[in-house]
PDB file of N, CA and C in Angstrom:
ATOM      1  N   MET A   1      -1.376 -48.728  34.056  1.00  0.00           N
ATOM      2  CA  MET A   1      -1.577 -47.865  32.879  1.00  0.00           C
ATOM      3  C   MET A   1      -3.159 -48.166  32.765  1.00  0.00           C
ATOM      4  N   ARG A   2      -4.272 -47.053  32.312  1.00  0.00           N
ATOM      5  CA  ARG A   2      -5.489 -47.112  32.448  1.00  0.00           C
ATOM      6  C   ARG A   2      -5.840 -48.016  31.333  1.00  0.00           C
ATOM      7  N   LYS A   3      -6.971 -49.042  30.956  1.00  0.00           N
ATOM      8  CA  LYS A   3      -7.119 -49.356  29.490  1.00  0.00           C
ATOM      9  C   LYS A   3      -8.265 -48.302  28.965  1.00  0.00           C
ATOM     10  N   ILE A   4      -8.208 -47.921  27.839  1.00  0.00           N
ATOM     11  CA  ILE A   4      -8.824 -47.463  26.522  1.00  0.00           C
ATOM     12  C   ILE A   4     -10.339 -48.090  26.987  1.00  0.00           C
ATOM     13  N   LYS A   5     -11.172 -47.460  26.985  1.00  0.00           N
ATOM     14  CA  LYS A   5     -12.787 -47.862  27.182  1.00  0.00           C
ATOM     15  C   LYS A   5     -13.532 -47.726  25.737  1.00  0.00           C
ATOM     16  N   SER A   6     -13.599 -46.654  25.207  1.00  0.00           N
ATOM     17  CA  SER A   6     -13.704 -45.782  23.764  1.00  0.00           C
ATOM     18  C   SER A   6     -13.622 -45.384  23.089  1.00  0.00           C
ATOM     19  N   VAL A   7     -13.627 -44.961  22.143  1.00  0.00           N
ATOM     20  CA  VAL A   7     -12.983 -44.387  20.905  1.00  0.00           C
ATOM     21  C   VAL A   7     -14.171 -43.063  20.400  1.00  0.00           C
ATOM     22  N   LEU A   8     -13.720 -42.309  19.561  1.00  0.00           N
ATOM     23  CA  LEU A   8     -14.559 -41.485  18.997  1.00  0.00           C
ATOM     24  C   LEU A   8     -14.126 -41.437  17.605  1.00  0.00           C
ATOM     25  N   VAL A   9     -14.785 -41.649  16.657  1.00  0.00           N
ATOM     26  CA  VAL A   9     -14.547 -41.657  15.756  1.00  0.00           C
ATOM     27  C   VAL A   9     -15.288 -40.842  14.829  1.00  0.00           C
ATOM     28  N   ALA A  10     -14.388 -39.558  14.603  1.00  0.00           N
ATOM     29  CA  ALA A  10     -15.118 -38.335  13.771  1.00  0.00           C
ATOM     30  C   ALA A  10     -14.886 -38.628  12.385  1.00  0.00           C
ATOM     31  N   ASN A  11     -15.160 -39.433  11.521  1.00  0.00           N
ATOM     32  CA  ASN A  11     -14.832 -39.625  10.086  1.00  0.00           C
ATOM     33  C   ASN A  11     -15.948 -40.107   9.675  1.00  0.00           C
ATOM     34  N   ARG A  12     -16.387 -40.004   8.864  1.00  0.00           N
ATOM     35  CA  ARG A  12     -17.579 -40.992   7.931  1.00  0.00           C
ATOM     36  C   ARG A  12     -17.259 -41.756   6.819  1.00  0.00           C
ATOM     37  N   SER A  13     -15.994 -42.304   6.060  1.00  0.00           N
ATOM     38  CA  SER A  13     -15.650 -42.572   5.259  1.00  0.00           C
ATOM     39  C   SER A  13     -15.296 -44.139   5.623  1.00  0.00           C
ATOM     40  N   GLU A  14     -15.260 -45.054   4.774  1.00  0.00           N
ATOM     41  CA  GLU A  14     -14.805 -46.250   4.933  1.00  0.00           C
ATOM     42  C   GLU A  14     -14.034 -46.758   5.753  1.00  0.00           C
ATOM     43  N   ILE A  15     -12.768 -45.853   6.506  1.00  0.00           N
ATOM     44  CA  ILE A  15     -12.119 -45.890   7.287  1.00  0.00           C
ATOM     45  C   ILE A  15     -12.517 -46.148   8.685  1.00  0.00           C
ATOM     46  N   ALA A  16     -13.849 -45.124   8.703  1.00  0.00           N
ATOM     47  CA  ALA A  16     -14.595 -45.226  10.162  1.00  0.00           C
ATOM     48  C   ALA A  16     -14.669 -46.667  10.630  1.00  0.00           C
ATOM     49  N   ILE A  17     -15.734 -46.999   9.248  1.00  0.00           N
ATOM     50  CA  ILE A  17     -16.069 -48.635   9.643  1.00  0.00           C
ATOM     51  C   ILE A  17     -14.630 -49.548  10.102  1.00  0.00           C
ATOM     52  N   ARG A  18     -13.607 -49.507   9.377  1.00  0.00           N
ATOM     53  CA  ARG A  18     -12.612 -50.385  10.145  1.00  0.00           C
ATOM     54  C   ARG A  18     -11.923 -49.775  11.161  1.00  0.00           C
ATOM     55  N   ILE A  19     -12.570 -48.607  11.171  1.00  0.00           N
ATOM     56  CA  ILE A  19     -11.870 -48.166  12.905  1.00  0.00           C
ATOM     57  C   ILE A  19     -12.722 -48.894  14.453  1.00  0.00           C
ATOM     58  N   MET A  20     -14.121 -48.822  13.216  1.00  0.00           N
ATOM     59  CA  MET A  20     -14.912 -49.289  14.449  1.00  0.00           C
ATOM     60  C   MET A  20     -14.938 -50.888  14.958  1.00  0.00           C
ATOM     61  N   ARG A  21     -14.711 -51.556  13.121  1.00  0.00           N
ATOM     62  CA  ARG A  21     -14.640 -53.015  13.615  1.00  0.00           C
ATOM     63  C   ARG A  21     -13.476 -53.115  14.557  1.00  0.00           C
ATOM     64  N   ALA A  22     -12.143 -52.734  14.093  1.00  0.00           N
ATOM     65  CA  ALA A  22     -10.884 -52.884  14.596  1.00  0.00           C
ATOM     66  C   ALA A  22     -10.953 -52.637  16.524  1.00  0.00           C
ATOM     67  N   ALA A  23     -11.735 -51.646  16.920  1.00  0.00           N
ATOM     68  CA  ALA A  23     -12.123 -51.316  18.409  1.00  0.00           C
ATOM     69  C   ALA A  23     -13.202 -52.435  18.807  1.00  0.00           C
ATOM     70  N   ALA A  24     -14.225 -52.997  18.257  1.00  0.00           N
ATOM     71  CA  ALA A  24     -14.531 -53.936  18.490  1.00  0.00           C
ATOM     72  C   ALA A  24     -14.292 -55.349  18.759  1.00  0.00           C
ATOM     73  N   GLU A  25     -13.019 -55.544  18.071  1.00  0.00           N
ATOM     74  CA  GLU A  25     -12.242 -56.408  18.475  1.00  0.00           C
ATOM     75  C   GLU A  25     -11.505 -56.810  19.282  1.00  0.00           C
ATOM     76  N   LEU A  26     -11.124 -55.352  19.722  1.00  0.00           N
ATOM     77  CA  LEU A  26     -10.246 -54.733  21.098  1.00  0.00           C
ATOM     78  C   LEU A  26     -11.163 -54.946  22.371  1.00  0.00           C
ATOM     79  N   GLY A  27     -12.345 -54.737  22.037  1.00  0.00           N
ATOM     80  CA  GLY A  27     -13.469 -54.670  23.130  1.00  0.00           C
ATOM     81  C   GLY A  27     -13.612 -53.460  23.481  1.00  0.00           C
ATOM     82  N   MET A  28     -13.721 -52.306  22.767  1.00  0.00           N
ATOM     83  CA  MET A  28     -13.832 -50.714  22.810  1.00  0.00           C
ATOM     84  C   MET A  28     -14.983 -50.680  22.287  1.00  0.00           C
ATOM     85  N   ARG A  29     -15.794 -49.402  23.252  1.00  0.00           N
ATOM     86  CA  ARG A  29     -16.850 -49.061  22.631  1.00  0.00           C
ATOM     87  C   ARG A  29     -16.633 -47.901  21.843  1.00  0.00           C
ATOM     88  N   THR A  30     -17.375 -47.626  20.839  1.00  0.00           N
ATOM     89  CA  THR A  30     -17.056 -46.798  19.674  1.00  0.00           C
ATOM     90  C   THR A  30     -18.517 -45.814  19.500  1.00  0.00           C
ATOM     91  N   VAL A  31     -17.694 -44.598  19.587  1.00  0.00           N
ATOM     92  CA  VAL A  31     -19.081 -43.071  19.532  1.00  0.00           C
ATOM     93  C   VAL A  31     -18.448 -42.286  18.058  1.00  0.00           C
ATOM     94  N   ALA A  32     -19.753 -42.195  17.491  1.00  0.00           N
ATOM     95  CA  ALA A  32     -19.935 -41.322  15.964  1.00  0.00           C
ATOM     96  C   ALA A  32     -20.224 -40.259  16.183  1.00  0.00           C
ATOM     97  N   ILE A  33     -19.887 -39.144  15.608  1.00  0.00           N
ATOM     98  CA  ILE A  33     -20.152 -37.984  15.675  1.00  0.00           C
ATOM     99  C   ILE A  33     -20.711 -37.529  14.377  1.00  0.00           C
ATOM    100  N   TYR A  34     -21.931 -37.133  13.903  1.00  0.00           N
ATOM    101  CA  TYR A  34     -22.359 -36.411  12.460  1.00  0.00           C
ATOM    102  C   TYR A  34     -23.222 -35.447  12.228  1.00  0.00           C
ATOM    103  N   ALA A  35     -23.288 -34.987  11.186  1.00  0.00           N
ATOM    104  CA  ALA A  35     -23.552 -33.759  10.705  1.00  0.00           C
ATOM    105  C   ALA A  35     -25.158 -34.110  10.514  1.00  0.00           C
ATOM    106  N   ASN A  36     -26.281 -33.459  10.494  1.00  0.00           N
ATOM    107  CA  ASN A  36     -27.461 -33.225  10.074  1.00  0.00           C
ATOM    108  C   ASN A  36     -27.679 -34.048   8.523  1.00  0.00           C
ATOM    109  N   GLU A  37     -26.816 -33.877   7.796  1.00  0.00           N
ATOM    110  CA  GLU A  37     -27.015 -34.518   6.499  1.00  0.00           C
ATOM    111  C   GLU A  37     -26.501 -35.777   6.373  1.00  0.00           C
ATOM    112  N   ASP A  38     -25.552 -35.968   7.580  1.00  0.00           N
ATOM    113  CA  ASP A  38     -25.222 -37.320   7.279  1.00  0.00           C
ATOM    114  C   ASP A  38     -25.875 -38.247   8.481  1.00  0.00           C
ATOM    115  N   ARG A  39     -26.913 -38.092   8.598  1.00  0.00           N
ATOM    116  CA  ARG A  39     -27.947 -38.627   9.538  1.00  0.00           C
ATOM    117  C   ARG A  39     -28.312 -39.967   9.375  1.00  0.00           C
ATOM    118  N   PHE A  40     -27.837 -40.145   7.758  1.00  0.00           N
ATOM    119  CA  PHE A  40     -28.462 -41.689   7.374  1.00  0.00           C
ATOM    120  C   PHE A  40     -27.143 -42.820   6.615  1.00  0.00           C
ATOM    121  N   ALA A  41     -25.905 -42.185   7.593  1.00  0.00           N
ATOM    122  CA  ALA A  41     -24.726 -42.413   6.927  1.00  0.00           C
ATOM    123  C   ALA A  41     -24.484 -43.777   7.816  1.00  0.00           C
ATOM    124  N   LEU A  42     -23.912 -44.718   7.180  1.00  0.00           N
ATOM    125  CA  LEU A  42     -23.648 -46.020   7.931  1.00  0.00           C
ATOM    126  C   LEU A  42     -22.874 -46.175   8.931  1.00  0.00           C
ATOM    127  N   HIS A  43     -21.366 -45.102   9.298  1.00  0.00           N
ATOM    128  CA  HIS A  43     -20.766 -45.262  10.449  1.00  0.00           C
ATOM    129  C   HIS A  43     -21.727 -44.752  11.382  1.00  0.00           C
ATOM    130  N   ARG A  44     -22.603 -43.669  11.575  1.00  0.00           N
ATOM    131  CA  ARG A  44     -23.846 -43.505  12.539  1.00  0.00           C
ATOM    132  C   ARG A  44     -24.538 -44.897  12.988  1.00  0.00           C
ATOM    133  N   PHE A  45     -24.715 -45.825  12.256  1.00  0.00           N
ATOM    134  CA  PHE A  45     -25.776 -47.081  12.605  1.00  0.00           C
ATOM    135  C   PHE A  45     -24.591 -47.923  13.266  1.00  0.00           C
ATOM    136  N   LYS A  46     -23.117 -48.013  12.959  1.00  0.00           N
ATOM    137  CA  LYS A  46     -22.146 -48.840  13.140  1.00  0.00           C
ATOM    138  C   LYS A  46     -21.554 -48.443  14.867  1.00  0.00           C
ATOM    139  N   ALA A  47     -21.902 -47.427  14.811  1.00  0.00           N
ATOM    140  CA  ALA A  47     -21.334 -47.187  16.288  1.00  0.00           C
ATOM    141  C   ALA A  47     -22.008 -47.559  17.234  1.00  0.00           C
ATOM    142  N   ASP A  48     -21.304 -47.839  18.913  1.00  0.00           N
ATOM    143  CA  ASP A  48     -21.945 -48.057  19.902  1.00  0.00           C
ATOM    144  C   ASP A  48     -22.994 -46.866  20.418  1.00  0.00           C
ATOM    145  N   GLU A  49     -22.293 -45.892  19.885  1.00  0.00           N
ATOM    146  CA  GLU A  49     -23.231 -44.794  20.595  1.00  0.00           C
ATOM    147  C   GLU A  49     -23.094 -43.516  18.964  1.00  0.00           C
ATOM    148  N   SER A  50     -23.929 -42.364  18.836  1.00  0.00           N
ATOM    149  CA  SER A  50     -23.789 -41.379  18.011  1.00  0.00           C
ATOM    150  C   SER A  50     -24.203 -40.306  18.548  1.00  0.00           C
ATOM    151  N   TYR A  51     -23.802 -39.254  18.051  1.00  0.00           N
ATOM    152  CA  TYR A  51     -24.515 -37.897  18.293  1.00  0.00           C
ATOM    153  C   TYR A  51     -24.227 -36.916  17.173  1.00  0.00           C
ATOM    154  N   LEU A  52     -25.636 -36.379  16.815  1.00  0.00           N
ATOM    155  CA  LEU A  52     -25.571 -35.036  15.776  1.00  0.00           C
ATOM    156  C   LEU A  52     -24.962 -33.738  16.612  1.00  0.00           C
ATOM    157  N   VAL A  53     -24.011 -33.191  15.913  1.00  0.00           N
ATOM    158  CA  VAL A  53     -23.278 -32.203  16.262  1.00  0.00           C
ATOM    159  C   VAL A  53     -23.004 -30.945  15.663  1.00  0.00           C
ATOM    160  N   GLY A  54     -24.161 -31.033  14.296  1.00  0.00           N
ATOM    161  CA  GLY A  54     -23.906 -29.817  13.767  1.00  0.00           C
ATOM    162  C   GLY A  54     -25.115 -30.015  12.771  1.00  0.00           C
ATOM    163  N   ASP A  55     -25.578 -29.073  11.773  1.00  0.00           N
ATOM    164  CA  ASP A  55     -26.509 -28.833  10.730  1.00  0.00           C
ATOM    165  C   ASP A  55     -25.903 -29.179   9.613  1.00  0.00           C
ATOM    166  N   GLY A  56     -25.081 -29.488   9.288  1.00  0.00           N
ATOM    167  CA  GLY A  56     -24.331 -29.895   7.749  1.00  0.00           C
ATOM    168  C   GLY A  56     -24.042 -28.649   7.170  1.00  0.00           C
ATOM    169  N   ASN A  57     -24.182 -27.761   7.324  1.00  0.00           N
ATOM    170  CA  ASN A  57     -24.233 -26.390   6.564  1.00  0.00           C
ATOM    171  C   ASN A  57     -22.780 -26.285   5.914  1.00  0.00           C
ATOM    172  N   ARG A  58     -22.385 -26.817   4.759  1.00  0.00           N
ATOM    173  CA  ARG A  58     -20.687 -26.879   4.376  1.00  0.00           C
ATOM    174  C   ARG A  58     -20.178 -26.047   3.574  1.00  0.00           C
ATOM    175  N   ASN A  59     -21.278 -24.709   3.692  1.00  0.00           N
ATOM    176  CA  ASN A  59     -20.731 -23.329   3.159  1.00  0.00           C
ATOM    177  C   ASN A  59     -19.959 -22.649   3.971  1.00  0.00           C
ATOM    178  N   PHE A  60     -20.388 -22.907   5.316  1.00  0.00           N
ATOM    179  CA  PHE A  60     -19.427 -22.374   6.609  1.00  0.00           C
ATOM    180  C   PHE A  60     -18.648 -23.799   7.543  1.00  0.00           C
ATOM    181  N   SER A  61     -17.685 -23.744   6.438  1.00  0.00           N
ATOM    182  CA  SER A  61     -16.602 -24.629   7.127  1.00  0.00           C
ATOM    183  C   SER A  61     -15.531 -23.392   8.133  1.00  0.00           C
ATOM    184  N   ILE A  62     -14.917 -24.479   8.739  1.00  0.00           N
ATOM    185  CA  ILE A  62     -13.285 -24.097   9.364  1.00  0.00           C
ATOM    186  C   ILE A  62     -12.711 -23.448   8.114  1.00  0.00           C
ATOM    187  N   SER A  63     -12.571 -23.040   7.170  1.00  0.00           N
ATOM    188  CA  SER A  63     -11.570 -22.814   6.248  1.00  0.00           C
ATOM    189  C   SER A  63     -12.647 -21.270   5.748  1.00  0.00           C
ATOM    190  N   SER A  64     -13.614 -21.301   5.588  1.00  0.00           N
ATOM    191  CA  SER A  64     -14.284 -20.420   5.211  1.00  0.00           C
ATOM    192  C   SER A  64     -14.467 -19.246   6.245  1.00  0.00           C
ATOM    193  N   ARG A  65     -14.320 -19.800   8.074  1.00  0.00           N
ATOM    194  CA  ARG A  65     -14.413 -19.090   9.052  1.00  0.00           C
ATOM    195  C   ARG A  65     -12.931 -18.288   8.920  1.00  0.00           C
ATOM    196  N   ALA A  66     -11.599 -19.224   8.578  1.00  0.00           N
ATOM    197  CA  ALA A  66     -10.895 -18.304   8.769  1.00  0.00           C
ATOM    198  C   ALA A  66      -9.971 -17.354   7.901  1.00  0.00           C
ATOM    199  N   ALA A  67     -10.970 -16.983   6.624  1.00  0.00           N
ATOM    200  CA  ALA A  67     -10.918 -16.760   5.546  1.00  0.00           C
ATOM    201  C   ALA A  67     -11.857 -15.228   5.786  1.00  0.00           C
ATOM    202  N   THR A  68     -12.375 -14.968   6.876  1.00  0.00           N
ATOM    203  CA  THR A  68     -13.120 -14.285   7.277  1.00  0.00           C
ATOM    204  C   THR A  68     -12.266 -13.127   8.029  1.00  0.00           C
ATOM    205  N   GLY A  69     -11.367 -13.599   8.696  1.00  0.00           N
ATOM    206  CA  GLY A  69      -9.791 -12.921   9.456  1.00  0.00           C
ATOM    207  C   GLY A  69     -10.815 -12.871  10.909  1.00  0.00           C
ATOM    208  N   ARG A  70     -11.378 -13.695  11.258  1.00  0.00           N
ATOM    209  CA  ARG A  70     -11.907 -13.786  12.738  1.00  0.00           C
ATOM    210  C   ARG A  70     -10.826 -13.780  13.410  1.00  0.00           C
ATOM    211  N   PRO A  71     -10.437 -13.099  14.768  1.00  0.00           N
ATOM    212  CA  PRO A  71      -9.600 -13.762  15.878  1.00  0.00           C
ATOM    213  C   PRO A  71      -9.605 -14.999  16.358  1.00  0.00           C
ATOM    214  N   GLY A  72      -8.501 -15.491  16.526  1.00  0.00           N
ATOM    215  CA  GLY A  72      -8.621 -16.834  16.642  1.00  0.00           C
ATOM    216  C   GLY A  72      -9.020 -18.054  15.732  1.00  0.00           C
ATOM    217  N   CYS A  73      -9.242 -17.654  14.359  1.00  0.00           N
ATOM    218  CA  CYS A  73      -9.431 -18.616  13.782  1.00  0.00           C
ATOM    219  C   CYS A  73      -8.208 -18.544  12.535  1.00  0.00           C
ATOM    220  N   SER A  74      -7.633 -19.761  12.422  1.00  0.00           N
ATOM    221  CA  SER A  74      -6.050 -20.326  11.937  1.00  0.00           C
ATOM    222  C   SER A  74      -6.253 -21.513  10.517  1.00  0.00           C
ATOM    223  N   GLY A  75      -7.950 -21.854  10.544  1.00  0.00           N
ATOM    224  CA  GLY A  75      -8.079 -22.151   9.418  1.00  0.00           C
ATOM    225  C   GLY A  75      -7.737 -23.899   9.860  1.00  0.00           C
ATOM    226  N   SER A  76      -7.181 -24.130  10.979  1.00  0.00           N
ATOM    227  CA  SER A  76      -7.237 -25.885  11.253  1.00  0.00           C
ATOM    228  C   SER A  76      -8.120 -25.714  12.993  1.00  0.00           C
ATOM    229  N   SER A  77      -8.241 -27.284  13.001  1.00  0.00           N
ATOM    230  CA  SER A  77      -8.857 -27.758  14.336  1.00  0.00           C
ATOM    231  C   SER A  77      -8.440 -28.679  14.920  1.00  0.00           C
ATOM    232  N   ALA A  78      -8.304 -28.836  16.448  1.00  0.00           N
ATOM    233  CA  ALA A  78      -7.854 -29.777  16.942  1.00  0.00           C
ATOM    234  C   ALA A  78      -9.226 -30.043  17.941  1.00  0.00           C
ATOM    235  N   MET A  79      -9.299 -31.486  18.107  1.00  0.00           N
ATOM    236  CA  MET A  79     -10.332 -31.840  18.855  1.00  0.00           C
ATOM    237  C   MET A  79      -9.721 -32.651  20.305  1.00  0.00           C
TER     238      MET A  79
END
C-alpha cells in the first residue's frame, strides 16, 4: 500500500489548522487553496503550499449557479 504524502485542505476555519497540524505530525505535506479575499487567512500560511483558486466573488456561488438552471449544475460539487 502506498503512503499518503500530502493532503489538500479546502477549508479556512479552525478545523483546517487542526488538520494541518495532524498531517504534519504524521509526516504529510499540506496544501491549502484560497480565494483572493482569503489571501491573508491563517490557513494559507500554515500550509506547506498554497494556491489561489478564485477571486472570492461570493455572489456567484455553486448554489447561485444551480439556481440559473444551467445544464450540469446540480447545486453540489465534488473535488
